[in-house]
Protein backbone atom coordinates (compact mmCIF):
# COMPACT_ATOMS: atom_id res chain seq x y z
CA MET A 1 -72.00 31.79 -92.42
CA THR A 2 -72.63 31.04 -87.61
CA THR A 3 -76.14 32.23 -85.62
CA LEU A 4 -75.66 34.66 -83.92
CA PHE A 5 -78.38 32.24 -81.94
CA SER A 6 -77.74 29.34 -80.63
CA SER A 7 -80.97 27.19 -79.52
CA PRO A 8 -80.12 26.64 -75.49
CA PRO A 9 -78.88 23.53 -73.97
CA THR A 10 -81.49 20.97 -73.47
CA ARG A 11 -81.78 19.90 -69.58
CA THR A 12 -83.37 16.54 -69.15
CA ARG A 13 -85.34 15.99 -66.37
CA GLN A 14 -85.68 12.96 -63.88
CA THR A 15 -89.48 13.16 -63.00
CA LEU A 16 -91.33 11.02 -60.32
CA ALA A 17 -93.34 8.74 -62.24
CA PRO A 18 -91.49 5.43 -63.66
CA PHE A 19 -91.18 5.40 -59.22
CA ARG A 20 -95.15 6.07 -57.36
CA LEU A 21 -96.83 3.26 -56.39
CA ARG A 22 -100.40 3.39 -58.73
CA ARG A 23 -102.19 0.25 -57.45
CA HIS A 24 -104.09 0.68 -54.65
CA ALA A 25 -102.92 -3.71 -53.71
CA ASP A 26 -98.91 -2.29 -53.89
CA TYR A 27 -100.47 0.78 -51.34
CA GLN A 28 -102.00 -2.13 -48.40
CA ARG A 29 -99.27 -4.42 -49.07
CA VAL A 30 -97.07 -1.04 -47.72
CA TYR A 31 -100.10 -0.99 -44.71
CA GLN A 32 -99.81 -5.21 -43.79
CA ALA A 33 -96.65 -5.39 -44.03
CA SER A 34 -95.39 -2.02 -42.39
CA ARG A 35 -95.59 -0.03 -39.00
CA LYS A 36 -96.29 4.21 -38.21
CA TYR A 37 -92.96 5.94 -38.12
CA HIS A 38 -93.62 9.65 -37.82
CA SER A 39 -91.99 13.29 -38.53
CA PRO A 40 -92.24 16.31 -37.42
CA SER A 41 -94.52 17.21 -40.71
CA MET A 42 -95.47 13.69 -41.92
CA SER A 43 -95.92 10.25 -41.07
CA TYR A 44 -94.94 7.89 -43.32
CA PHE A 45 -95.04 3.39 -43.40
CA PHE A 46 -91.76 1.32 -45.43
CA ARG A 47 -91.27 -2.09 -46.35
CA VAL A 48 -88.89 -3.59 -49.23
CA ARG A 49 -90.49 -5.49 -51.99
CA PRO A 50 -88.98 -9.56 -52.14
CA ALA A 51 -87.11 -9.44 -55.51
CA ASP A 52 -89.87 -12.00 -56.92
CA GLU A 53 -92.41 -9.31 -56.22
CA LEU A 54 -90.36 -6.85 -58.49
CA PRO A 55 -92.06 -4.58 -61.09
CA PRO A 56 -90.81 -4.03 -64.54
CA VAL A 57 -89.41 -0.36 -63.18
CA SER A 58 -87.01 -1.36 -60.78
CA GLY A 59 -86.16 0.91 -57.42
CA PRO A 60 -87.48 2.53 -55.02
CA ARG A 61 -91.17 3.60 -54.99
CA VAL A 62 -92.83 6.27 -53.99
CA GLY A 63 -96.88 6.82 -52.53
CA LEU A 64 -98.68 9.30 -51.36
CA THR A 65 -102.15 10.17 -50.09
CA VAL A 66 -103.80 13.26 -48.90
CA GLY A 67 -106.68 12.45 -46.92
CA ARG A 68 -110.00 15.35 -47.62
CA VAL A 69 -109.72 15.88 -44.10
CA MET A 70 -106.91 18.33 -44.99
CA GLY A 71 -109.21 21.28 -46.75
CA LYS A 72 -110.80 21.09 -50.27
CA ALA A 73 -109.46 19.90 -53.21
CA VAL A 74 -107.24 22.62 -54.82
CA GLU A 75 -105.92 22.12 -51.44
CA ARG A 76 -104.62 19.06 -51.01
CA ASN A 77 -103.85 18.71 -55.09
CA ARG A 78 -101.71 21.81 -53.57
CA ILE A 79 -100.42 19.57 -51.20
CA LYS A 80 -99.12 17.08 -53.46
CA ARG A 81 -97.35 18.97 -55.56
CA ARG A 82 -94.95 20.16 -53.62
CA MET A 83 -94.68 16.76 -52.17
CA ARG A 84 -94.31 15.44 -55.61
CA GLU A 85 -91.57 17.36 -55.83
CA ALA A 86 -90.06 17.42 -53.03
CA ALA A 87 -89.81 13.63 -53.32
CA ARG A 88 -87.97 13.99 -56.60
CA LEU A 89 -85.67 15.96 -55.69
CA GLN A 90 -84.58 13.62 -52.61
CA LEU A 91 -84.87 10.15 -54.71
CA SER A 92 -81.68 9.92 -55.24
CA ILE A 93 -81.00 9.56 -50.88
CA LEU A 94 -83.05 6.09 -52.06
CA HIS A 95 -81.59 5.03 -55.25
CA GLU A 96 -77.93 5.35 -53.84
CA ALA A 97 -78.07 3.58 -49.74
CA ILE A 98 -80.86 0.97 -50.38
CA PRO A 99 -79.53 -1.60 -51.58
CA GLY A 100 -82.81 -4.00 -52.90
CA GLU A 101 -86.56 -2.60 -53.59
CA ILE A 102 -88.23 -0.50 -51.09
CA ASP A 103 -91.65 1.14 -50.94
CA LEU A 104 -92.37 4.10 -49.12
CA VAL A 105 -95.72 5.68 -48.24
CA LEU A 106 -96.29 9.32 -47.15
CA HIS A 107 -99.14 10.34 -45.59
CA PRO A 108 -98.40 14.38 -44.84
CA ARG A 109 -99.75 17.08 -42.04
CA LYS A 110 -102.26 19.94 -43.26
CA SER A 111 -98.91 22.25 -42.12
CA VAL A 112 -97.03 20.48 -45.36
CA ALA A 113 -99.39 23.58 -47.74
CA THR A 114 -97.76 26.25 -45.89
CA MET A 115 -93.92 24.76 -44.43
CA GLU A 116 -91.55 27.26 -46.57
CA PHE A 117 -90.63 24.83 -50.00
CA ALA A 118 -87.24 24.38 -48.78
CA SER A 119 -87.83 23.41 -44.97
CA LEU A 120 -89.70 21.03 -46.80
CA VAL A 121 -86.96 18.85 -48.92
CA LEU A 122 -84.44 19.09 -46.14
CA GLU A 123 -87.28 17.11 -44.29
CA LEU A 124 -88.75 14.55 -46.84
CA GLY A 125 -84.69 13.91 -47.16
CA LYS A 126 -84.38 13.43 -43.35
CA VAL A 127 -86.69 10.97 -44.17
CA PHE A 128 -85.99 9.07 -46.90
CA ALA A 129 -82.18 9.21 -44.50
CA LEU A 130 -84.36 7.03 -42.57
CA VAL A 131 -86.70 4.54 -44.66
CA ALA A 132 -82.60 4.01 -46.39
CA ALA A 133 -80.94 3.02 -41.92
CA GLY A 134 -83.94 1.27 -41.75
CA ALA A 135 -84.60 -0.97 -44.09
CA ALA A 136 -81.24 -1.89 -44.59
CA LYS A 137 -81.65 -3.09 -40.97
CA PRO A 138 -82.81 -6.93 -41.15
CA GLN A 139 -87.08 -6.34 -41.20
CA PRO A 140 -89.22 -8.40 -38.60
CA ALA A 141 -92.22 -10.29 -39.27
CA PRO A 142 -95.81 -8.33 -39.96
CA LEU A 143 -98.01 -8.98 -36.46
CA THR A 144 -101.12 -10.35 -38.46
CA ARG A 145 -104.57 -9.61 -36.86
CA SER A 146 -104.58 -12.72 -34.01
CA SER A 147 -100.74 -12.16 -32.97
CA SER A 148 -102.19 -9.17 -31.92
CA ARG A 149 -105.37 -9.42 -30.18
CA LEU A 150 -104.31 -9.20 -26.71
CA PRO A 151 -105.42 -12.36 -24.33
CA VAL A 152 -109.63 -12.20 -23.41
CA LYS A 153 -109.69 -11.90 -19.64
CA LYS A 154 -113.29 -13.40 -18.64
CA PRO A 155 -115.34 -10.54 -16.42
CA LYS A 156 -115.87 -10.62 -13.11
CA ALA A 157 -119.54 -11.95 -12.97
CA ALA A 158 -118.51 -15.67 -14.46
CA GLN A 159 -115.34 -14.76 -11.28
CA GLY A 160 -118.41 -15.38 -8.84
CA ALA A 161 -118.58 -13.12 -6.20
CA SER A 162 -115.86 -13.26 -4.27
CA GLY A 163 -113.40 -12.17 -6.82
CA SER A 164 -111.56 -15.01 -6.47
CA GLY A 165 -112.09 -16.47 -9.73
CA LYS A 166 -114.16 -19.97 -7.85
CA PRO A 167 -118.33 -19.50 -8.58
CA SER A 168 -119.80 -18.27 -5.13
CA THR A 169 -122.25 -21.21 -3.78
CA GLN A 170 -124.91 -18.79 -2.14
CA GLN A 171 -127.49 -17.91 -4.12
CA ALA A 172 -127.53 -14.30 -5.53
CA SER A 173 -130.62 -12.48 -3.82
CA SER A 174 -133.46 -11.64 -6.45
CA PRO A 175 -133.34 -7.44 -7.42
CA ALA A 176 -137.21 -7.24 -7.84
CA SER A 177 -139.31 -7.50 -4.69
CA PRO A 178 -140.33 -11.49 -3.90
CA ARG A 179 -143.56 -13.11 -6.63
CA PRO A 180 -145.81 -13.68 -4.26
CA ARG A 181 -146.83 -17.60 -4.45
CA ALA A 182 -150.15 -18.87 -5.77
């Protein structure tokens, strides 16, 4: 006896959950070791993880940040859902192209909420390809706060009246009227 109805084939769906950045410290490490890159509808940061820092799940990790400036909670959640799904669809680009481990943080713009989903997926694929190409290059040492500051110039008042950098020998005149001596 054969059955007329069979169960549909089960389809395994890869989720983004094991490949997400979750801890605040992980986000901070990416921000400190990277610089900001831009695409038409998002900005992003990335860094290659050293081998001694690997989490239990190896592979690229993606983090999303959507601030309150993007709108109310419903709009922010919609942006996050769209970005998460687009990242899930394009995650194979990062898996195949990057020999090392990478952390990536995406900052979508408000236009992500209304743009066509197919164009969002294509743009995220381009971002992932750029990240893969950038991760293959040797990474420069990150800037520290002290090394990124410009040299301090002396204020003009300390240079003197002539502006030559030498102290002035003339006495400065008092802006107030002279006091009578008692």
